Amino acid sequence: MNISISIPQSANNYWRQMGQSGLRISAAVNCSVRCVLEESLGFTNDYIEERIETVFLDGHPVDDIDTATVPSGARMALASALPGAAGVAMRRNSPYAALRGGITHTATSTGQKMQGMVEVVLFNLIMQHHTMRLLANGVSVKSGMLADMIDKASADEVGTIQADGKIQSAAEAVTLLRKKEGEFITLTVTCIQA
């Protein structure tokens, strides 16, 4: 199922929170974290070096984004600086990385580079800066999560909803999505200018 939602610019903050829930994206896999960030997610090298301070790959903090390999189906969390002592220890190449030695991601190789799926979770500034761009490009999300987002949205946070090209009211879309509970659906969210 393909869902397309057009929202007013004022609703960006509401829809950005989807970045924290996990967005499945078609991506290059069996390549480095940096490769996925640049080639598949559209981050520039400067942004990666200056803003993406924390990377988790399948629950493990990553220090070297050039040697950590992303397999298909991986879950990658991205954040700028995280708060507190634990946040400092989890940063890439932290001087306190030894405190997390047992959980740090180690380099792996999983075969030839190819297309696959990666689940991306975005936090803090990364979520603010990039969730809407990723949603506009199209992602896969769990139908129940999207049903909850539409159901909880105020009338001014949802514009036009289309399911497989057919215009739906918010209530109709929620009912349709609840019937697909547990399935991944393709979602595109675009902003319309007022």
C-alpha atoms as a PDB file:
ATOM      1  CA  MET A   1       0.000   0.000   0.000  1.00  0.00           C
ATOM      2  CA  ASN A   2       1.193   3.504  -0.857  1.00  0.00           C
ATOM      3  CA  ILE A   3       0.123   6.446   1.282  1.00  0.00           C
ATOM      4  CA  SER A   4       0.791  10.019   0.224  1.00  0.00           C
ATOM      5  CA  ILE A   5       0.082  12.877   2.609  1.00  0.00           C
ATOM      6  CA  SER A   6       0.265  16.568   1.780  1.00  0.00           C
ATOM      7  CA  ILE A   7       0.637  18.699   4.886  1.00  0.00           C
ATOM      8  CA  PRO A   8       0.808  22.427   5.530  1.00  0.00           C
ATOM      9  CA  GLN A   9       4.265  23.821   6.349  1.00  0.00           C
ATOM     10  CA  SER A  10       3.028  24.559   9.889  1.00  0.00           C
ATOM     11  CA  ALA A  11       2.623  20.805  10.526  1.00  0.00           C
ATOM     12  CA  ASN A  12       6.316  19.946   9.997  1.00  0.00           C
ATOM     13  CA  ASN A  13       7.035  19.713  13.727  1.00  0.00           C
ATOM     14  CA  TYR A  14       4.249  17.179  14.225  1.00  0.00           C
ATOM     15  CA  TRP A  15       5.401  14.901  11.385  1.00  0.00           C
ATOM     16  CA  ARG A  16       9.124  15.197  12.227  1.00  0.00           C
ATOM     17  CA  GLN A  17       8.613  13.003  15.272  1.00  0.00           C
ATOM     18  CA  MET A  18       8.235  10.037  12.914  1.00  0.00           C
ATOM     19  CA  GLY A  19      12.025  10.119  12.590  1.00  0.00           C
ATOM     20  CA  GLN A  20      12.311   8.760  16.135  1.00  0.00           C
ATOM     21  CA  SER A  21      10.037   5.825  15.345  1.00  0.00           C
ATOM     22  CA  GLY A  22      12.168   4.348  12.590  1.00  0.00           C
ATOM     23  CA  LEU A  23      11.959   4.918   8.860  1.00  0.00           C
ATOM     24  CA  ARG A  24      12.788   2.024   6.540  1.00  0.00           C
ATOM     25  CA  ILE A  25      14.677   3.241   3.519  1.00  0.00           C
ATOM     26  CA  SER A  26      15.952   1.553   0.391  1.00  0.00           C
ATOM     27  CA  ALA A  27      19.714   1.909   0.704  1.00  0.00           C
ATOM     28  CA  ALA A  28      23.081   0.665  -0.408  1.00  0.00           C
ATOM     29  CA  VAL A  29      24.050  -2.130   2.006  1.00  0.00           C
ATOM     30  CA  ASN A  30      27.116  -4.269   2.657  1.00  0.00           C
ATOM     31  CA  CYS A  31      29.092  -1.042   2.592  1.00  0.00           C
ATOM     32  CA  SER A  32      30.312   1.392   5.239  1.00  0.00           C
ATOM     33  CA  VAL A  33      28.110   3.576   7.422  1.00  0.00           C
ATOM     34  CA  ARG A  34      29.578   6.591   5.610  1.00  0.00           C
ATOM     35  CA  CYS A  35      28.558   5.078   2.258  1.00  0.00           C
ATOM     36  CA  VAL A  36      24.955   4.657   3.454  1.00  0.00           C
ATOM     37  CA  LEU A  37      24.874   8.160   4.943  1.00  0.00           C
ATOM     38  CA  GLU A  38      26.179   9.828   1.789  1.00  0.00           C
ATOM     39  CA  GLU A  39      24.844   7.697  -1.060  1.00  0.00           C
ATOM     40  CA  SER A  40      21.483   6.580   0.286  1.00  0.00           C
ATOM     41  CA  LEU A  41      20.497   9.157   2.883  1.00  0.00           C
ATOM     42  CA  GLY A  42      21.905  12.228   1.156  1.00  0.00           C
ATOM     43  CA  PHE A  43      24.077  13.588   3.963  1.00  0.00           C
ATOM     44  CA  THR A  44      27.112  15.622   2.922  1.00  0.00           C
ATOM     45  CA  ASN A  45      30.541  14.742   4.249  1.00  0.00           C
ATOM     46  CA  ASP A  46      30.700  18.106   6.054  1.00  0.00           C
ATOM     47  CA  TYR A  47      27.359  17.470   7.772  1.00  0.00           C
ATOM     48  CA  ILE A  48      28.451  13.976   8.786  1.00  0.00           C
ATOM     49  CA  GLU A  49      31.683  15.252  10.297  1.00  0.00           C
ATOM     50  CA  GLU A  50      30.234  18.350  11.960  1.00  0.00           C
ATOM     51  CA  ARG A  51      26.774  17.216  13.076  1.00  0.00           C
ATOM     52  CA  ILE A  52      26.407  13.427  13.264  1.00  0.00           C
ATOM     53  CA  GLU A  53      28.277  12.827  16.479  1.00  0.00           C
ATOM     54  CA  THR A  54      26.573   9.610  17.564  1.00  0.00           C
ATOM     55  CA  VAL A  55      25.891   6.534  15.417  1.00  0.00           C
ATOM     56  CA  PHE A  56      24.436   3.261  16.628  1.00  0.00           C
ATOM     57  CA  LEU A  57      24.345   0.255  14.324  1.00  0.00           C
ATOM     58  CA  ASP A  58      22.034  -2.515  15.528  1.00  0.00           C
ATOM     59  CA  GLY A  59      22.293  -1.148  19.071  1.00  0.00           C
ATOM     60  CA  HIS A  60      26.081  -0.794  19.143  1.00  0.00           C
ATOM     61  CA  PRO A  61      27.878   2.570  19.180  1.00  0.00           C
ATOM     62  CA  VAL A  62      30.100   3.083  16.139  1.00  0.00           C
ATOM     63  CA  ASP A  63      33.444   4.855  16.247  1.00  0.00           C
ATOM     64  CA  ASP A  64      34.743   4.314  12.730  1.00  0.00           C
ATOM     65  CA  ILE A  65      32.005   4.967  10.171  1.00  0.00           C
ATOM     66  CA  ASP A  66      34.422   4.064   7.365  1.00  0.00           C
ATOM     67  CA  THR A  67      34.953   0.458   8.501  1.00  0.00           C
ATOM     68  CA  ALA A  68      31.604  -0.413  10.142  1.00  0.00           C
ATOM     69  CA  THR A  69      29.598  -2.327   7.515  1.00  0.00           C
ATOM     70  CA  VAL A  70      25.825  -1.946   7.254  1.00  0.00           C
ATOM     71  CA  PRO A  71      24.007  -5.205   6.402  1.00  0.00           C
ATOM     72  CA  SER A  72      20.547  -5.281   4.861  1.00  0.00           C
ATOM     73  CA  GLY A  73      17.884  -4.983   7.543  1.00  0.00           C
ATOM     74  CA  ALA A  74      20.176  -3.068   9.906  1.00  0.00           C
ATOM     75  CA  ARG A  75      18.834  -0.469  12.313  1.00  0.00           C
ATOM     76  CA  MET A  76      20.941   2.692  12.350  1.00  0.00           C
ATOM     77  CA  ALA A  77      20.350   5.478  14.883  1.00  0.00           C
ATOM     78  CA  LEU A  78      21.818   8.928  14.288  1.00  0.00           C
ATOM     79  CA  ALA A  79      22.129  11.867  16.662  1.00  0.00           C
ATOM     80  CA  SER A  80      24.114  14.988  17.253  1.00  0.00           C
ATOM     81  CA  ALA A  81      25.540  15.411  20.761  1.00  0.00           C
ATOM     82  CA  LEU A  82      23.652  13.396  23.377  1.00  0.00           C
ATOM     83  CA  PRO A  83      23.394  14.815  26.901  1.00  0.00           C
ATOM     84  CA  GLY A  84      25.253  13.711  30.007  1.00  0.00           C
ATOM     85  CA  ALA A  85      28.239  11.508  30.671  1.00  0.00           C
ATOM     86  CA  ALA A  86      26.649   8.563  28.862  1.00  0.00           C
ATOM     87  CA  GLY A  87      26.067  10.772  25.820  1.00  0.00           C
ATOM     88  CA  VAL A  88      29.710  11.823  25.802  1.00  0.00           C
ATOM     89  CA  ALA A  89      30.841   8.187  26.064  1.00  0.00           C
ATOM     90  CA  MET A  90      28.610   7.141  23.144  1.00  0.00           C
ATOM     91  CA  ARG A  91      29.916   9.767  20.695  1.00  0.00           C
ATOM     92  CA  ARG A  92      32.050   8.706  17.763  1.00  0.00           C
ATOM     93  CA  ASN A  93      35.717   8.577  18.742  1.00  0.00           C
ATOM     94  CA  SER A  94      34.957   9.756  22.270  1.00  0.00           C
ATOM     95  CA  PRO A  95      37.897  10.026  24.653  1.00  0.00           C
ATOM     96  CA  TYR A  96      35.697   7.956  26.990  1.00  0.00           C
ATOM     97  CA  ALA A  97      35.040   5.191  24.459  1.00  0.00           C
ATOM     98  CA  ALA A  98      36.915   2.721  26.671  1.00  0.00           C
ATOM     99  CA  LEU A  99      33.974   2.903  29.092  1.00  0.00           C
ATOM    100  CA  ARG A 100      31.823   1.172  26.484  1.00  0.00           C
ATOM    101  CA  GLY A 101      34.430  -1.166  25.023  1.00  0.00           C
ATOM    102  CA  GLY A 102      32.300  -4.288  25.331  1.00  0.00           C
ATOM    103  CA  ILE A 103      29.379  -2.870  23.346  1.00  0.00           C
ATOM    104  CA  THR A 104      31.224  -0.907  20.645  1.00  0.00           C
ATOM    105  CA  HIS A 105      30.496  -2.052  17.092  1.00  0.00           C
ATOM    106  CA  THR A 106      33.399  -3.840  15.490  1.00  0.00           C
ATOM    107  CA  ALA A 107      34.103  -3.869  11.762  1.00  0.00           C
ATOM    108  CA  THR A 108      32.395  -6.609   9.802  1.00  0.00           C
ATOM    109  CA  SER A 109      32.174  -7.532   6.152  1.00  0.00           C
ATOM    110  CA  THR A 110      28.983  -9.056   4.816  1.00  0.00           C
ATOM    111  CA  GLY A 111      29.532  -9.418   1.070  1.00  0.00           C
ATOM    112  CA  GLN A 112      29.214  -7.283  -2.022  1.00  0.00           C
ATOM    113  CA  LYS A 113      27.584  -3.867  -2.004  1.00  0.00           C
ATOM    114  CA  MET A 114      23.974  -4.064  -3.164  1.00  0.00           C
ATOM    115  CA  GLN A 115      20.551  -2.482  -2.593  1.00  0.00           C
ATOM    116  CA  GLY A 116      18.659  -3.453   0.547  1.00  0.00           C
ATOM    117  CA  MET A 117      16.653  -1.946   3.380  1.00  0.00           C
ATOM    118  CA  VAL A 118      17.940  -0.014   6.381  1.00  0.00           C
ATOM    119  CA  GLU A 119      15.844   1.285   9.258  1.00  0.00           C
ATOM    120  CA  VAL A 120      16.973   4.774  10.228  1.00  0.00           C
ATOM    121  CA  VAL A 121      16.125   6.363  13.574  1.00  0.00           C
ATOM    122  CA  LEU A 122      16.833  10.083  13.937  1.00  0.00           C
ATOM    123  CA  PHE A 123      17.231  12.082  17.126  1.00  0.00           C
ATOM    124  CA  ASN A 124      17.574  15.722  18.199  1.00  0.00           C
ATOM    125  CA  LEU A 125      19.031  18.057  15.540  1.00  0.00           C
ATOM    126  CA  ILE A 126      19.360  15.274  12.979  1.00  0.00           C
ATOM    127  CA  MET A 127      15.632  14.594  13.328  1.00  0.00           C
ATOM    128  CA  GLN A 128      14.823  18.316  13.086  1.00  0.00           C
ATOM    129  CA  HIS A 129      16.983  18.859  10.013  1.00  0.00           C
ATOM    130  CA  HIS A 130      16.319  15.710   7.962  1.00  0.00           C
ATOM    131  CA  THR A 131      13.109  13.817   8.790  1.00  0.00           C
ATOM    132  CA  MET A 132      10.945  15.844   6.422  1.00  0.00           C
ATOM    133  CA  ARG A 133      13.453  15.436   3.575  1.00  0.00           C
ATOM    134  CA  LEU A 134      13.453  11.646   4.046  1.00  0.00           C
ATOM    135  CA  LEU A 135       9.649  11.542   4.272  1.00  0.00           C
ATOM    136  CA  ALA A 136       9.386  13.561   1.044  1.00  0.00           C
ATOM    137  CA  ASN A 137      11.656  11.045  -0.705  1.00  0.00           C
ATOM    138  CA  GLY A 138       9.513   8.120   0.475  1.00  0.00           C
ATOM    139  CA  VAL A 139      10.007   5.635   3.298  1.00  0.00           C
ATOM    140  CA  SER A 140       8.395   2.485   4.653  1.00  0.00           C
ATOM    141  CA  VAL A 141       6.696   2.594   8.049  1.00  0.00           C
ATOM    142  CA  LYS A 142       4.516   0.271  10.084  1.00  0.00           C
ATOM    143  CA  SER A 143       0.870   0.784   9.256  1.00  0.00           C
ATOM    144  CA  GLY A 144      -0.170   0.969  12.920  1.00  0.00           C
ATOM    145  CA  MET A 145       2.308   3.742  13.669  1.00  0.00           C
ATOM    146  CA  LEU A 146       1.048   5.793  10.731  1.00  0.00           C
ATOM    147  CA  ALA A 147      -2.570   5.138  11.727  1.00  0.00           C
ATOM    148  CA  ASP A 148      -1.767   6.488  15.212  1.00  0.00           C
ATOM    149  CA  MET A 149      -0.065   9.583  13.758  1.00  0.00           C
ATOM    150  CA  ILE A 150      -3.033  10.390  11.519  1.00  0.00           C
ATOM    151  CA  ASP A 151      -5.551   9.621  14.276  1.00  0.00           C
ATOM    152  CA  LYS A 152      -3.826  11.913  16.805  1.00  0.00           C
ATOM    153  CA  ALA A 153      -3.170  14.747  14.360  1.00  0.00           C
ATOM    154  CA  SER A 154      -5.285  17.846  14.564  1.00  0.00           C
ATOM    155  CA  ALA A 155      -7.203  18.909  11.462  1.00  0.00           C
ATOM    156  CA  ASP A 156      -4.559  21.532  10.609  1.00  0.00           C
ATOM    157  CA  GLU A 157      -1.737  18.925  10.749  1.00  0.00           C
ATOM    158  CA  VAL A 158      -3.130  16.746   7.951  1.00  0.00           C
ATOM    159  CA  GLY A 159      -3.909  18.025   4.496  1.00  0.00           C
ATOM    160  CA  THR A 160      -4.754  15.597   1.717  1.00  0.00           C
ATOM    161  CA  ILE A 161      -4.319  11.837   2.189  1.00  0.00           C
ATOM    162  CA  GLN A 162      -4.175   9.428  -0.729  1.00  0.00           C
ATOM    163  CA  ALA A 163      -4.097   5.651  -0.415  1.00  0.00           C
ATOM    164  CA  ASP A 164      -2.961   3.984  -3.638  1.00  0.00           C
ATOM    165  CA  GLY A 165      -3.961   7.162  -5.508  1.00  0.00           C
ATOM    166  CA  LYS A 166      -7.456   7.459  -4.001  1.00  0.00           C
ATOM    167  CA  ILE A 167      -8.216  10.459  -1.766  1.00  0.00           C
ATOM    168  CA  GLN A 168      -9.213   9.415   1.755  1.00  0.00           C
ATOM    169  CA  SER A 169     -10.472  11.301   4.783  1.00  0.00           C
ATOM    170  CA  ALA A 170      -8.313  10.969   7.896  1.00  0.00           C
ATOM    171  CA  ALA A 171     -10.865   8.551   9.428  1.00  0.00           C
ATOM    172  CA  GLU A 172     -10.965   6.431   6.254  1.00  0.00           C
ATOM    173  CA  ALA A 173      -7.173   6.299   6.098  1.00  0.00           C
ATOM    174  CA  VAL A 174      -6.935   5.231   9.751  1.00  0.00           C
ATOM    175  CA  THR A 175      -9.487   2.442   9.174  1.00  0.00           C
ATOM    176  CA  LEU A 176      -7.634   1.266   6.071  1.00  0.00           C
ATOM    177  CA  LEU A 177      -4.272   1.288   7.885  1.00  0.00           C
ATOM    178  CA  ARG A 178      -5.669  -0.593  10.917  1.00  0.00           C
ATOM    179  CA  LYS A 179      -6.682  -3.405   8.545  1.00  0.00           C
ATOM    180  CA  LYS A 180      -3.004  -3.685   7.553  1.00  0.00           C
ATOM    181  CA  GLU A 181      -1.754  -3.762  11.180  1.00  0.00           C
ATOM    182  CA  GLY A 182       1.840  -4.975  11.434  1.00  0.00           C
ATOM    183  CA  GLU A 183       2.564  -4.506   7.734  1.00  0.00           C
ATOM    184  CA  PHE A 184       4.985  -1.997   6.286  1.00  0.00           C
ATOM    185  CA  ILE A 185       3.508   0.531   3.903  1.00  0.00           C
ATOM    186  CA  THR A 186       5.185   3.082   1.662  1.00  0.00           C
ATOM    187  CA  LEU A 187       4.749   6.658   2.856  1.00  0.00           C
ATOM    188  CA  THR A 188       5.491   9.990   1.227  1.00  0.00           C
ATOM    189  CA  VAL A 189       4.846  13.227   3.114  1.00  0.00           C
ATOM    190  CA  THR A 190       5.162  16.527   1.288  1.00  0.00           C
ATOM    191  CA  CYS A 191       4.688  20.099   2.451  1.00  0.00           C
ATOM    192  CA  ILE A 192       2.349  22.408   0.597  1.00  0.00           C
ATOM    193  CA  GLN A 193       2.873  26.138   0.677  1.00  0.00           C
ATOM    194  CA  ALA A 194       0.067  28.158   2.215  1.00  0.00           C
END
